[in-house]
N, C-alpha and C. Protein backbone atom coordinates (compact mmCIF):
# COMPACT_ATOMS: atom_id res chain seq x y z
N MET A 1 -28.44 149.65 18.95
CA MET A 1 -27.50 149.81 20.03
C MET A 1 -26.46 148.70 19.92
N GLY A 2 -25.19 149.06 19.90
CA GLY A 2 -24.13 148.10 19.71
C GLY A 2 -23.77 147.37 21.00
N HIS A 3 -22.93 146.34 20.84
CA HIS A 3 -22.52 145.55 22.00
C HIS A 3 -21.70 146.39 22.98
N THR A 4 -20.89 147.30 22.47
CA THR A 4 -20.07 148.14 23.33
C THR A 4 -20.93 149.06 24.18
N THR A 5 -21.96 149.61 23.60
CA THR A 5 -22.86 150.50 24.35
C THR A 5 -23.58 149.74 25.44
N VAL A 6 -24.03 148.53 25.13
CA VAL A 6 -24.71 147.71 26.14
C VAL A 6 -23.75 147.36 27.26
N LEU A 7 -22.51 147.03 26.93
CA LEU A 7 -21.52 146.69 27.94
C LEU A 7 -21.23 147.88 28.85
N ILE A 8 -21.08 149.06 28.28
CA ILE A 8 -20.80 150.25 29.08
C ILE A 8 -21.97 150.56 30.00
N LYS A 9 -23.20 150.45 29.50
CA LYS A 9 -24.37 150.71 30.34
C LYS A 9 -24.48 149.67 31.45
N THR A 10 -24.16 148.42 31.14
CA THR A 10 -24.23 147.37 32.16
C THR A 10 -23.21 147.61 33.26
N VAL A 11 -21.99 147.93 32.89
CA VAL A 11 -20.95 148.19 33.88
C VAL A 11 -21.31 149.43 34.71
N ALA A 12 -21.83 150.46 34.08
CA ALA A 12 -22.21 151.67 34.81
C ALA A 12 -23.36 151.40 35.78
N THR A 13 -24.25 150.49 35.42
CA THR A 13 -25.36 150.14 36.30
C THR A 13 -24.90 149.28 37.46
N LEU A 14 -23.99 148.36 37.21
CA LEU A 14 -23.56 147.43 38.25
C LEU A 14 -22.51 148.00 39.20
N HIS A 15 -21.83 149.06 38.83
CA HIS A 15 -20.77 149.61 39.67
C HIS A 15 -21.24 150.00 41.07
N PRO A 16 -22.35 150.71 41.23
CA PRO A 16 -22.82 151.02 42.59
C PRO A 16 -23.23 149.76 43.35
N CYS A 17 -23.76 148.75 42.66
CA CYS A 17 -24.14 147.51 43.33
C CYS A 17 -22.92 146.79 43.89
N VAL A 18 -21.83 146.80 43.15
CA VAL A 18 -20.59 146.18 43.63
C VAL A 18 -20.07 146.92 44.85
N GLN A 19 -20.12 148.23 44.84
CA GLN A 19 -19.66 149.01 45.99
C GLN A 19 -20.53 148.74 47.22
N ILE A 20 -21.83 148.65 47.03
CA ILE A 20 -22.72 148.36 48.15
C ILE A 20 -22.45 146.95 48.68
N GLY A 21 -22.22 146.00 47.78
CA GLY A 21 -21.91 144.64 48.21
C GLY A 21 -20.63 144.56 49.01
N CYS A 22 -19.60 145.28 48.59
CA CYS A 22 -18.35 145.30 49.35
C CYS A 22 -18.54 145.94 50.72
N ALA A 23 -19.31 147.02 50.77
CA ALA A 23 -19.56 147.68 52.05
C ALA A 23 -20.33 146.76 52.99
N LEU A 24 -21.33 146.07 52.47
CA LEU A 24 -22.09 145.15 53.31
C LEU A 24 -21.23 143.97 53.76
N GLY A 25 -20.30 143.55 52.92
CA GLY A 25 -19.39 142.47 53.28
C GLY A 25 -18.48 142.82 54.44
N PHE A 26 -18.22 144.10 54.64
CA PHE A 26 -17.42 144.52 55.79
C PHE A 26 -18.27 144.80 57.02
N VAL A 27 -19.55 145.13 56.82
CA VAL A 27 -20.39 145.52 57.95
C VAL A 27 -21.13 144.33 58.56
N ILE A 28 -21.67 143.44 57.74
CA ILE A 28 -22.54 142.38 58.24
C ILE A 28 -21.80 141.30 59.04
N PRO A 29 -20.67 140.76 58.59
CA PRO A 29 -20.04 139.67 59.37
C PRO A 29 -19.69 140.03 60.82
N PRO A 30 -19.14 141.20 61.11
CA PRO A 30 -18.88 141.48 62.53
C PRO A 30 -20.16 141.61 63.36
N GLU A 31 -21.28 141.96 62.71
CA GLU A 31 -22.54 142.05 63.45
C GLU A 31 -23.10 140.65 63.74
N ILE A 32 -22.89 139.71 62.83
CA ILE A 32 -23.42 138.36 63.03
C ILE A 32 -22.52 137.56 63.96
N VAL A 33 -21.22 137.60 63.72
CA VAL A 33 -20.27 136.82 64.52
C VAL A 33 -19.67 137.75 65.57
N THR A 34 -20.17 137.62 66.78
CA THR A 34 -19.70 138.48 67.87
C THR A 34 -18.47 137.87 68.53
N ASN A 35 -17.75 138.70 69.25
CA ASN A 35 -16.58 138.24 69.99
C ASN A 35 -17.05 137.55 71.26
N ASP A 36 -16.81 136.25 71.34
CA ASP A 36 -17.27 135.47 72.48
C ASP A 36 -16.16 134.52 72.90
N GLU A 37 -16.17 134.14 74.17
CA GLU A 37 -15.16 133.21 74.68
C GLU A 37 -15.46 131.78 74.26
N ASP A 38 -16.73 131.47 74.07
CA ASP A 38 -17.14 130.10 73.73
C ASP A 38 -16.97 129.87 72.23
N VAL A 39 -16.15 128.88 71.89
CA VAL A 39 -15.87 128.57 70.49
C VAL A 39 -17.11 128.00 69.81
N ASP A 40 -17.94 127.30 70.54
CA ASP A 40 -19.16 126.73 69.95
C ASP A 40 -20.12 127.83 69.50
N VAL A 41 -20.22 128.91 70.25
CA VAL A 41 -21.09 130.03 69.87
C VAL A 41 -20.56 130.69 68.61
N ILE A 42 -19.26 130.89 68.55
CA ILE A 42 -18.66 131.49 67.35
C ILE A 42 -18.85 130.57 66.14
N GLY A 43 -18.69 129.26 66.35
CA GLY A 43 -18.90 128.30 65.27
C GLY A 43 -20.33 128.32 64.76
N PHE A 44 -21.30 128.40 65.69
CA PHE A 44 -22.71 128.47 65.29
C PHE A 44 -22.98 129.74 64.50
N GLN A 45 -22.44 130.86 64.94
CA GLN A 45 -22.67 132.13 64.24
C GLN A 45 -22.02 132.13 62.86
N LEU A 46 -20.83 131.56 62.75
CA LEU A 46 -20.17 131.45 61.44
C LEU A 46 -20.98 130.56 60.51
N ARG A 47 -21.46 129.43 61.03
CA ARG A 47 -22.26 128.51 60.23
C ARG A 47 -23.55 129.20 59.76
N LEU A 48 -24.18 129.94 60.65
CA LEU A 48 -25.39 130.67 60.29
C LEU A 48 -25.11 131.68 59.18
N MET A 49 -24.01 132.40 59.30
CA MET A 49 -23.66 133.41 58.30
C MET A 49 -23.36 132.77 56.94
N LEU A 50 -22.60 131.70 56.94
CA LEU A 50 -22.21 131.07 55.68
C LEU A 50 -23.37 130.37 55.00
N TYR A 51 -24.20 129.67 55.77
CA TYR A 51 -25.36 128.99 55.17
C TYR A 51 -26.38 129.99 54.65
N SER A 52 -26.62 131.06 55.38
CA SER A 52 -27.57 132.06 54.89
C SER A 52 -27.04 132.74 53.63
N GLY A 53 -25.73 132.99 53.57
CA GLY A 53 -25.13 133.54 52.35
C GLY A 53 -25.25 132.58 51.18
N ALA A 54 -25.06 131.29 51.45
CA ALA A 54 -25.18 130.29 50.39
C ALA A 54 -26.61 130.21 49.86
N VAL A 55 -27.59 130.34 50.75
CA VAL A 55 -28.99 130.31 50.30
C VAL A 55 -29.29 131.51 49.42
N VAL A 56 -28.85 132.69 49.84
CA VAL A 56 -29.10 133.91 49.05
C VAL A 56 -28.42 133.81 47.69
N MET A 57 -27.17 133.36 47.66
CA MET A 57 -26.46 133.25 46.38
C MET A 57 -27.07 132.20 45.47
N THR A 58 -27.59 131.10 46.04
CA THR A 58 -28.24 130.07 45.23
C THR A 58 -29.53 130.60 44.61
N ILE A 59 -30.30 131.35 45.38
CA ILE A 59 -31.53 131.94 44.86
C ILE A 59 -31.21 132.93 43.74
N LEU A 60 -30.20 133.76 43.94
CA LEU A 60 -29.82 134.71 42.89
C LEU A 60 -29.32 134.00 41.64
N PHE A 61 -28.57 132.92 41.82
CA PHE A 61 -28.09 132.14 40.68
C PHE A 61 -29.25 131.54 39.90
N MET A 62 -30.24 131.00 40.62
CA MET A 62 -31.41 130.43 39.95
C MET A 62 -32.18 131.49 39.18
N LEU A 63 -32.31 132.69 39.75
CA LEU A 63 -33.01 133.77 39.04
C LEU A 63 -32.28 134.16 37.77
N VAL A 64 -30.95 134.27 37.84
CA VAL A 64 -30.16 134.60 36.65
C VAL A 64 -30.27 133.49 35.62
N LEU A 65 -30.22 132.25 36.07
CA LEU A 65 -30.33 131.11 35.15
C LEU A 65 -31.69 131.08 34.47
N LEU A 66 -32.76 131.29 35.22
CA LEU A 66 -34.09 131.30 34.63
C LEU A 66 -34.26 132.44 33.64
N ARG A 67 -33.74 133.60 33.98
CA ARG A 67 -33.84 134.74 33.07
C ARG A 67 -33.04 134.49 31.79
N THR A 68 -31.86 133.89 31.93
CA THR A 68 -31.04 133.59 30.76
C THR A 68 -31.72 132.56 29.88
N LEU A 69 -32.30 131.53 30.48
CA LEU A 69 -32.99 130.51 29.69
C LEU A 69 -34.20 131.11 28.99
N HIS A 70 -34.92 131.99 29.65
CA HIS A 70 -36.08 132.64 29.03
C HIS A 70 -35.62 133.51 27.86
N TYR A 71 -34.53 134.25 28.04
CA TYR A 71 -34.02 135.09 26.96
C TYR A 71 -33.57 134.23 25.79
N CYS A 72 -32.86 133.14 26.06
CA CYS A 72 -32.38 132.28 24.98
C CYS A 72 -33.54 131.63 24.24
N ALA A 73 -34.58 131.22 24.97
CA ALA A 73 -35.72 130.59 24.32
C ALA A 73 -36.47 131.59 23.44
N SER A 74 -36.67 132.80 23.93
CA SER A 74 -37.38 133.79 23.12
C SER A 74 -36.53 134.21 21.93
N HIS A 75 -35.22 134.32 22.13
CA HIS A 75 -34.33 134.67 21.02
C HIS A 75 -34.34 133.57 19.97
N HIS A 76 -34.33 132.31 20.41
CA HIS A 76 -34.34 131.18 19.49
C HIS A 76 -35.65 131.13 18.70
N SER A 77 -36.78 131.36 19.38
CA SER A 77 -38.07 131.31 18.68
C SER A 77 -38.20 132.45 17.67
N SER A 78 -37.70 133.64 18.02
CA SER A 78 -37.77 134.74 17.06
C SER A 78 -36.83 134.49 15.88
N LEU A 79 -35.69 133.89 16.15
CA LEU A 79 -34.75 133.58 15.09
C LEU A 79 -35.33 132.52 14.16
N SER A 80 -35.95 131.49 14.72
CA SER A 80 -36.53 130.44 13.86
C SER A 80 -37.72 130.98 13.07
N THR A 81 -38.48 131.92 13.65
CA THR A 81 -39.60 132.53 12.90
C THR A 81 -39.07 133.32 11.72
N ARG A 82 -38.01 134.10 11.94
CA ARG A 82 -37.42 134.87 10.84
C ARG A 82 -36.84 133.97 9.78
N LEU A 83 -36.16 132.89 10.19
CA LEU A 83 -35.59 131.98 9.20
C LEU A 83 -36.66 131.27 8.39
N SER A 84 -37.74 130.86 9.06
CA SER A 84 -38.80 130.16 8.31
C SER A 84 -39.54 131.13 7.39
N ALA A 85 -39.64 132.39 7.76
CA ALA A 85 -40.33 133.37 6.93
C ALA A 85 -39.52 133.69 5.68
N CYS A 86 -38.21 133.71 5.79
CA CYS A 86 -37.40 134.11 4.63
C CYS A 86 -37.05 132.90 3.76
N CYS A 87 -37.23 131.69 4.24
CA CYS A 87 -36.87 130.53 3.44
C CYS A 87 -37.99 130.04 2.55
N TYR A 88 -39.21 130.43 2.82
CA TYR A 88 -40.34 130.01 1.97
C TYR A 88 -40.35 130.86 0.70
N ILE A 89 -40.61 130.21 -0.42
CA ILE A 89 -40.67 130.91 -1.70
C ILE A 89 -42.09 131.05 -2.14
């Protein structure tokens, strides 16, 4: 499977996720931050929304980072095994 095929499959898989993320981005904030006269209440709700979003994005970033490191380590070990196998006479 070539790089172009993998790229097309990845984009096709992620396209619905991006649409769902955009839809949730329009639906969730008005539900969390309500229209209130008190500025302190609005500030608390905004802070809650932004901090919870930051926690979720940090967790997702760590998962992607761990998966990438695992892939790189396994790719490196398989590459070194192949190189050591073909270099011995």
